[in-house]
């Protein structure tokens, strides 16, 4: 990223929602700018992530309850 011969480099991440721009300054240094290009896309990415985590927790809790129920049944029958 920093070793290109271009005057300026623009990189996008998270489906185009986050942007980083690198420009060569007149004094020979590099200027770095970062920002949010599309807040809606960023919100949707985190919403999908939050829904996945919530679904994982629900499944884990239900499996844990099922395991406890089966363990209880095996203790009663023994």
N, C-alpha and C. Protein backbone atom coordinates (compact mmCIF):
# COMPACT_ATOMS: atom_id res chain seq x y z
N UNK A 1 0.82 -1.19 0.00
CA UNK A 1 0.00 0.00 0.00
C UNK A 1 0.87 1.25 0.00
N UNK A 2 1.90 1.29 0.82
CA UNK A 2 2.74 2.47 0.90
C UNK A 2 3.84 2.48 -0.16
N UNK A 3 4.05 1.37 -0.84
CA UNK A 3 5.15 1.27 -1.79
C UNK A 3 4.73 1.43 -3.24
N UNK A 4 3.59 1.99 -3.51
CA UNK A 4 3.15 2.17 -4.89
C UNK A 4 3.78 3.43 -5.48
N UNK A 5 3.83 3.48 -6.79
CA UNK A 5 4.38 4.64 -7.48
C UNK A 5 3.31 5.67 -7.81
N UNK A 6 2.07 5.37 -7.50
CA UNK A 6 0.97 6.30 -7.80
C UNK A 6 1.05 7.54 -6.92
N UNK A 7 0.42 8.60 -7.39
CA UNK A 7 0.33 9.82 -6.58
C UNK A 7 -0.55 9.62 -5.36
N UNK A 8 -1.65 8.95 -5.55
CA UNK A 8 -2.57 8.71 -4.45
C UNK A 8 -3.15 7.31 -4.53
N UNK A 9 -3.43 6.73 -3.38
CA UNK A 9 -3.99 5.39 -3.32
C UNK A 9 -5.26 5.46 -2.49
N UNK A 10 -6.31 4.81 -2.96
CA UNK A 10 -7.58 4.76 -2.23
C UNK A 10 -7.95 3.30 -2.05
N UNK A 11 -8.15 2.89 -0.82
CA UNK A 11 -8.54 1.51 -0.50
C UNK A 11 -9.87 1.54 0.24
N UNK A 12 -10.72 0.57 -0.10
CA UNK A 12 -12.02 0.45 0.56
C UNK A 12 -12.10 -0.90 1.25
N UNK A 13 -12.82 -0.94 2.35
CA UNK A 13 -13.00 -2.17 3.10
C UNK A 13 -14.42 -2.29 3.62
N UNK A 14 -14.76 -3.45 4.13
CA UNK A 14 -16.10 -3.74 4.66
C UNK A 14 -17.18 -3.38 3.64
N UNK A 15 -17.04 -3.94 2.45
CA UNK A 15 -18.01 -3.76 1.37
C UNK A 15 -18.15 -2.30 0.95
N UNK A 16 -17.06 -1.58 0.99
CA UNK A 16 -17.06 -0.19 0.55
C UNK A 16 -17.53 0.81 1.58
N UNK A 17 -17.70 0.38 2.82
CA UNK A 17 -18.21 1.30 3.84
C UNK A 17 -17.10 2.09 4.53
N UNK A 18 -15.89 1.57 4.54
CA UNK A 18 -14.75 2.26 5.16
C UNK A 18 -13.73 2.54 4.07
N UNK A 19 -13.15 3.74 4.09
CA UNK A 19 -12.20 4.13 3.05
C UNK A 19 -10.93 4.69 3.69
N UNK A 20 -9.78 4.37 3.06
CA UNK A 20 -8.49 4.91 3.47
C UNK A 20 -7.82 5.47 2.22
N UNK A 21 -7.38 6.73 2.30
CA UNK A 21 -6.70 7.37 1.17
C UNK A 21 -5.30 7.79 1.61
N UNK A 22 -4.34 7.51 0.74
CA UNK A 22 -2.95 7.89 0.98
C UNK A 22 -2.52 8.78 -0.17
N UNK A 23 -2.05 9.97 0.15
CA UNK A 23 -1.61 10.93 -0.86
C UNK A 23 -0.17 11.35 -0.58
N UNK A 24 0.56 11.59 -1.66
CA UNK A 24 1.92 12.09 -1.51
C UNK A 24 1.85 13.61 -1.39
N UNK A 25 2.42 14.16 -0.33
CA UNK A 25 2.38 15.59 -0.08
C UNK A 25 3.49 16.30 -0.84
N UNK A 26 3.37 17.62 -0.95
CA UNK A 26 4.36 18.41 -1.70
C UNK A 26 5.73 18.41 -1.02
N UNK A 27 5.77 18.19 0.30
CA UNK A 27 7.05 18.16 1.00
C UNK A 27 7.71 16.78 1.00
N UNK A 28 7.12 15.82 0.29
CA UNK A 28 7.69 14.48 0.17
C UNK A 28 7.12 13.48 1.15
N UNK A 29 6.32 13.93 2.09
CA UNK A 29 5.72 13.02 3.07
C UNK A 29 4.46 12.38 2.53
N UNK A 30 3.85 11.58 3.38
CA UNK A 30 2.60 10.92 3.02
C UNK A 30 1.47 11.45 3.89
N UNK A 31 0.34 11.68 3.28
CA UNK A 31 -0.86 12.08 4.00
C UNK A 31 -1.84 10.92 4.04
N UNK A 32 -2.38 10.64 5.20
CA UNK A 32 -3.29 9.52 5.38
C UNK A 32 -4.65 10.05 5.83
N UNK A 33 -5.68 9.65 5.13
CA UNK A 33 -7.05 10.03 5.48
C UNK A 33 -7.88 8.77 5.55
N UNK A 34 -8.65 8.63 6.63
CA UNK A 34 -9.53 7.47 6.79
C UNK A 34 -10.91 7.97 7.17
N UNK A 35 -11.92 7.27 6.72
CA UNK A 35 -13.27 7.69 7.04
C UNK A 35 -14.31 6.66 6.66
N UNK A 36 -15.55 7.01 6.94
CA UNK A 36 -16.69 6.14 6.63
C UNK A 36 -17.33 6.65 5.35
N UNK A 37 -17.40 5.80 4.36
CA UNK A 37 -17.97 6.16 3.06
C UNK A 37 -19.49 5.94 3.06
N UNK A 38 -19.92 4.83 3.64
CA UNK A 38 -21.33 4.48 3.62
C UNK A 38 -21.75 3.97 5.00
N UNK A 39 -22.33 4.84 5.84
CA UNK A 39 -22.73 4.41 7.17
C UNK A 39 -23.81 3.31 7.15
N UNK A 40 -24.66 3.32 6.14
CA UNK A 40 -25.70 2.31 6.05
C UNK A 40 -25.10 0.92 5.87
N UNK A 41 -24.14 0.79 4.99
CA UNK A 41 -23.48 -0.51 4.79
C UNK A 41 -22.77 -0.96 6.07
N UNK A 42 -22.12 -0.03 6.73
CA UNK A 42 -21.43 -0.35 7.98
C UNK A 42 -22.42 -0.82 9.03
N UNK A 43 -23.56 -0.14 9.14
CA UNK A 43 -24.60 -0.54 10.07
C UNK A 43 -25.13 -1.93 9.73
N UNK A 44 -25.34 -2.21 8.45
CA UNK A 44 -25.85 -3.52 8.03
C UNK A 44 -24.87 -4.65 8.35
N UNK A 45 -23.58 -4.40 8.16
CA UNK A 45 -22.56 -5.41 8.49
C UNK A 45 -22.62 -5.74 9.97
N UNK A 46 -22.68 -4.72 10.82
CA UNK A 46 -22.72 -4.98 12.26
C UNK A 46 -24.06 -5.55 12.70
N UNK A 47 -25.15 -5.21 12.01
CA UNK A 47 -26.44 -5.80 12.31
C UNK A 47 -26.44 -7.29 12.01
N UNK A 48 -25.91 -7.67 10.87
CA UNK A 48 -25.82 -9.10 10.51
C UNK A 48 -24.94 -9.83 11.51
N UNK A 49 -23.84 -9.23 11.89
CA UNK A 49 -22.95 -9.84 12.89
C UNK A 49 -23.65 -10.01 14.22
N UNK A 50 -24.38 -9.01 14.67
CA UNK A 50 -25.11 -9.08 15.94
C UNK A 50 -26.19 -10.16 15.89
N UNK A 51 -26.90 -10.26 14.76
CA UNK A 51 -27.93 -11.29 14.61
C UNK A 51 -27.32 -12.69 14.62
N UNK A 52 -26.18 -12.85 14.00
CA UNK A 52 -25.50 -14.15 14.01
C UNK A 52 -25.08 -14.54 15.42
N UNK A 53 -24.54 -13.58 16.16
CA UNK A 53 -24.12 -13.86 17.54
C UNK A 53 -25.33 -14.20 18.41
N UNK A 54 -26.43 -13.47 18.25
CA UNK A 54 -27.64 -13.75 19.02
C UNK A 54 -28.19 -15.13 18.69
N UNK A 55 -28.21 -15.50 17.42
CA UNK A 55 -28.71 -16.82 17.03
C UNK A 55 -27.81 -17.92 17.59
N UNK A 56 -26.52 -17.69 17.59
CA UNK A 56 -25.59 -18.67 18.16
C UNK A 56 -25.84 -18.86 19.66
N UNK A 57 -26.09 -17.78 20.37
CA UNK A 57 -26.38 -17.87 21.80
C UNK A 57 -27.68 -18.62 22.06
N UNK A 58 -28.70 -18.38 21.26
CA UNK A 58 -29.98 -19.07 21.43
C UNK A 58 -29.81 -20.57 21.20
N UNK A 59 -29.10 -20.94 20.15
CA UNK A 59 -28.87 -22.36 19.87
C UNK A 59 -28.06 -23.00 20.98
N UNK A 60 -27.03 -22.31 21.45
CA UNK A 60 -26.19 -22.86 22.53
C UNK A 60 -27.01 -23.09 23.79
N UNK A 61 -27.83 -22.11 24.15
CA UNK A 61 -28.65 -22.26 25.37
C UNK A 61 -29.65 -23.40 25.23
N UNK A 62 -30.26 -23.53 24.05
CA UNK A 62 -31.22 -24.61 23.88
C UNK A 62 -30.53 -25.97 23.91
N UNK A 63 -29.35 -26.08 23.34
CA UNK A 63 -28.61 -27.35 23.41
C UNK A 63 -28.17 -27.66 24.83
N UNK A 64 -27.82 -26.64 25.57
CA UNK A 64 -27.42 -26.83 26.97
C UNK A 64 -28.61 -27.30 27.80
N UNK A 65 -29.80 -26.73 27.57
CA UNK A 65 -31.00 -27.17 28.27
C UNK A 65 -31.36 -28.60 27.89
N UNK A 66 -31.24 -28.92 26.61
CA UNK A 66 -31.53 -30.29 26.16
C UNK A 66 -30.60 -31.29 26.80
N UNK A 67 -29.33 -30.93 26.91
CA UNK A 67 -28.35 -31.81 27.55
C UNK A 67 -28.70 -32.01 29.03
N UNK A 68 -29.07 -30.94 29.73
CA UNK A 68 -29.45 -31.05 31.13
C UNK A 68 -30.68 -31.94 31.28
N UNK A 69 -31.65 -31.80 30.38
CA UNK A 69 -32.85 -32.63 30.41
C UNK A 69 -32.50 -34.10 30.20
N UNK A 70 -31.63 -34.39 29.25
CA UNK A 70 -31.24 -35.78 29.00
C UNK A 70 -30.45 -36.36 30.16
N UNK A 71 -29.61 -35.54 30.78
CA UNK A 71 -28.84 -36.01 31.94
C UNK A 71 -29.79 -36.31 33.11
N UNK A 72 -30.80 -35.47 33.26
CA UNK A 72 -31.78 -35.67 34.33
C UNK A 72 -32.56 -36.96 34.09
N UNK A 73 -32.95 -37.21 32.85
CA UNK A 73 -33.68 -38.44 32.52
C UNK A 73 -32.83 -39.67 32.75
N UNK A 74 -31.53 -39.59 32.45
CA UNK A 74 -30.67 -40.76 32.65
C UNK A 74 -30.44 -41.03 34.13
N UNK A 75 -30.45 -39.99 34.96
CA UNK A 75 -30.32 -40.20 36.41
C UNK A 75 -31.55 -40.84 37.00
N UNK A 76 -32.72 -40.50 36.49
CA UNK A 76 -33.99 -41.04 37.01
C UNK A 76 -34.10 -42.52 36.65
N UNK A 77 -33.71 -42.89 35.44
CA UNK A 77 -33.87 -44.28 34.99
C UNK A 77 -32.79 -45.20 35.53
N UNK A 78 -31.71 -44.68 36.06
CA UNK A 78 -30.62 -45.53 36.58
C UNK A 78 -30.85 -46.01 37.96
